[in-house]
Amino acid sequence: MEVSVKATVRAQNGGLGLTGPVIDKPVVLAPLDQVEKVQFDRPTGRAKVATVDEHAAYQRLLARYQNAWTADLPARVTGPLRQAAGGWTLNVRAFEA
């Protein structure tokens, strides 16, 4: 499922995580690489191919976080949300910060 979450981006275990008052355990942020988009192309019945801009969204968010010189960066992050044994991961497709 794809979500759009308004929360706080923070450094977490060498990468980025998403925290906030309604998030009890930090959500790991990850690149869109190797993950199919949730949006479908109705005529073909297949997942839409991610654009170059969407594939680069995590790296742009990381650069924005590093250039902000703050521990907490308010942002709205959008992408596929997946649950694994270790918790939730949001693959960044787009963001606003």
C-alpha atoms as a PDB file:
ATOM      1  CA  MET A   1       0.000   0.000   0.000  1.00  0.00           C
ATOM      2  CA  GLU A   2       1.189   3.527  -0.645  1.00  0.00           C
ATOM      3  CA  VAL A   3       1.003   6.162   2.063  1.00  0.00           C
ATOM      4  CA  SER A   4       1.820   9.823   2.484  1.00  0.00           C
ATOM      5  CA  VAL A   5       3.000  10.584   6.017  1.00  0.00           C
ATOM      6  CA  LYS A   6       3.668  13.980   7.570  1.00  0.00           C
ATOM      7  CA  ALA A   7       6.251  13.389  10.304  1.00  0.00           C
ATOM      8  CA  THR A   8       9.860  14.044  11.316  1.00  0.00           C
ATOM      9  CA  VAL A   9      12.867  12.704   9.407  1.00  0.00           C
ATOM     10  CA  ARG A  10      15.820  11.760  11.641  1.00  0.00           C
ATOM     11  CA  ALA A  11      19.132   9.976  11.224  1.00  0.00           C
ATOM     12  CA  GLN A  12      18.714   6.308  12.151  1.00  0.00           C
ATOM     13  CA  ASN A  13      21.281   3.484  12.018  1.00  0.00           C
ATOM     14  CA  GLY A  14      23.314   5.094   9.237  1.00  0.00           C
ATOM     15  CA  GLY A  15      20.245   5.978   7.186  1.00  0.00           C
ATOM     16  CA  LEU A  16      17.000   7.873   7.682  1.00  0.00           C
ATOM     17  CA  GLY A  17      13.930   7.115   9.756  1.00  0.00           C
ATOM     18  CA  LEU A  18      10.520   8.671  10.189  1.00  0.00           C
ATOM     19  CA  THR A  19       9.201   9.502  13.670  1.00  0.00           C
ATOM     20  CA  GLY A  20       6.301  11.439  15.110  1.00  0.00           C
ATOM     21  CA  PRO A  21       3.726  11.555  17.879  1.00  0.00           C
ATOM     22  CA  VAL A  22       1.543   8.856  16.303  1.00  0.00           C
ATOM     23  CA  ILE A  23       4.469   6.625  15.251  1.00  0.00           C
ATOM     24  CA  ASP A  24       5.382   4.328  18.149  1.00  0.00           C
ATOM     25  CA  LYS A  25       8.464   2.777  16.490  1.00  0.00           C
ATOM     26  CA  PRO A  26      10.567   4.634  13.877  1.00  0.00           C
ATOM     27  CA  VAL A  27       9.757   3.740  10.272  1.00  0.00           C
ATOM     28  CA  VAL A  28      12.850   3.001   8.171  1.00  0.00           C
ATOM     29  CA  LEU A  29      13.117   5.144   5.037  1.00  0.00           C
ATOM     30  CA  ALA A  30      14.636   3.435   1.987  1.00  0.00           C
ATOM     31  CA  PRO A  31      15.140   4.114  -1.719  1.00  0.00           C
ATOM     32  CA  LEU A  32      12.452   3.036  -4.186  1.00  0.00           C
ATOM     33  CA  ASP A  33      14.990   0.701  -5.878  1.00  0.00           C
ATOM     34  CA  GLN A  34      13.770  -2.814  -6.595  1.00  0.00           C
ATOM     35  CA  VAL A  35      10.271  -2.038  -5.297  1.00  0.00           C
ATOM     36  CA  GLU A  36       7.331  -1.926  -7.645  1.00  0.00           C
ATOM     37  CA  LYS A  37       5.243   1.179  -7.548  1.00  0.00           C
ATOM     38  CA  VAL A  38       1.729   0.863  -6.259  1.00  0.00           C
ATOM     39  CA  GLN A  39       0.206   2.892  -9.104  1.00  0.00           C
ATOM     40  CA  PHE A  40      -1.102   0.853 -12.001  1.00  0.00           C
ATOM     41  CA  ASP A  41      -1.386   1.540 -15.694  1.00  0.00           C
ATOM     42  CA  ARG A  42      -5.014   0.564 -16.282  1.00  0.00           C
ATOM     43  CA  PRO A  43      -4.722  -0.139 -20.023  1.00  0.00           C
ATOM     44  CA  THR A  44      -1.881  -2.658 -19.501  1.00  0.00           C
ATOM     45  CA  GLY A  45      -2.900  -3.880 -16.035  1.00  0.00           C
ATOM     46  CA  ARG A  46       0.706  -3.608 -14.840  1.00  0.00           C
ATOM     47  CA  ALA A  47       2.483  -1.489 -12.253  1.00  0.00           C
ATOM     48  CA  LYS A  48       3.720   1.817 -13.631  1.00  0.00           C
ATOM     49  CA  VAL A  49       7.464   2.084 -14.094  1.00  0.00           C
ATOM     50  CA  ALA A  50       9.090   4.437 -11.592  1.00  0.00           C
ATOM     51  CA  THR A  51      10.519   7.614 -13.084  1.00  0.00           C
ATOM     52  CA  VAL A  52      14.133   8.724 -12.705  1.00  0.00           C
ATOM     53  CA  ASP A  53      12.893  11.442 -10.336  1.00  0.00           C
ATOM     54  CA  GLU A  54      11.085   8.875  -8.164  1.00  0.00           C
ATOM     55  CA  HIS A  55      14.143   6.610  -8.024  1.00  0.00           C
ATOM     56  CA  ALA A  56      16.259   9.587  -6.875  1.00  0.00           C
ATOM     57  CA  ALA A  57      13.807  10.824  -4.205  1.00  0.00           C
ATOM     58  CA  TYR A  58      15.532   9.108  -1.253  1.00  0.00           C
ATOM     59  CA  GLN A  59      18.945  10.518  -2.208  1.00  0.00           C
ATOM     60  CA  ARG A  60      17.421  13.998  -2.551  1.00  0.00           C
ATOM     61  CA  LEU A  61      15.764  13.630   0.863  1.00  0.00           C
ATOM     62  CA  LEU A  62      19.068  12.494   2.391  1.00  0.00           C
ATOM     63  CA  ALA A  63      20.854  15.511   0.876  1.00  0.00           C
ATOM     64  CA  ARG A  64      18.080  17.838   2.087  1.00  0.00           C
ATOM     65  CA  TYR A  65      18.380  16.378   5.604  1.00  0.00           C
ATOM     66  CA  GLN A  66      22.173  16.730   5.640  1.00  0.00           C
ATOM     67  CA  ASN A  67      21.989  20.327   4.365  1.00  0.00           C
ATOM     68  CA  ALA A  68      19.327  21.296   6.927  1.00  0.00           C
ATOM     69  CA  TRP A  69      21.839  21.146   9.818  1.00  0.00           C
ATOM     70  CA  THR A  70      19.130  19.927  12.175  1.00  0.00           C
ATOM     71  CA  ALA A  71      18.402  16.635  13.920  1.00  0.00           C
ATOM     72  CA  ASP A  72      14.699  16.846  13.059  1.00  0.00           C
ATOM     73  CA  LEU A  73      13.444  17.668   9.565  1.00  0.00           C
ATOM     74  CA  PRO A  74       9.666  18.028   9.212  1.00  0.00           C
ATOM     75  CA  ALA A  75       8.552  16.417   5.954  1.00  0.00           C
ATOM     76  CA  ARG A  76       5.745  14.711   4.086  1.00  0.00           C
ATOM     77  CA  VAL A  77       7.068  11.443   2.665  1.00  0.00           C
ATOM     78  CA  THR A  78       5.172   9.364   0.094  1.00  0.00           C
ATOM     79  CA  GLY A  79       5.796   5.828  -1.103  1.00  0.00           C
ATOM     80  CA  PRO A  80       5.052   2.133  -0.675  1.00  0.00           C
ATOM     81  CA  LEU A  81       4.849   1.030   2.969  1.00  0.00           C
ATOM     82  CA  ARG A  82       5.866  -2.539   3.734  1.00  0.00           C
ATOM     83  CA  GLN A  83       6.039  -4.533   6.948  1.00  0.00           C
ATOM     84  CA  ALA A  84       8.801  -7.020   7.695  1.00  0.00           C
ATOM     85  CA  ALA A  85       9.868  -8.879  10.827  1.00  0.00           C
ATOM     86  CA  GLY A  86      12.029  -5.897  11.868  1.00  0.00           C
ATOM     87  CA  GLY A  87       9.250  -3.321  11.490  1.00  0.00           C
ATOM     88  CA  TRP A  88       7.934  -0.973   8.840  1.00  0.00           C
ATOM     89  CA  THR A  89       9.814   0.377   5.802  1.00  0.00           C
ATOM     90  CA  LEU A  90       8.649   3.246   3.622  1.00  0.00           C
ATOM     91  CA  ASN A  91      10.295   3.326   0.196  1.00  0.00           C
ATOM     92  CA  VAL A  92      10.565   7.020  -0.661  1.00  0.00           C
ATOM     93  CA  ARG A  93       8.909   7.880  -3.988  1.00  0.00           C
ATOM     94  CA  ALA A  94       8.362  11.577  -3.275  1.00  0.00           C
ATOM     95  CA  PHE A  95       8.710  14.073  -0.440  1.00  0.00           C
ATOM     96  CA  GLU A  96       8.103  17.682   0.591  1.00  0.00           C
ATOM     97  CA  ALA A  97      10.347  19.266   3.218  1.00  0.00           C
END
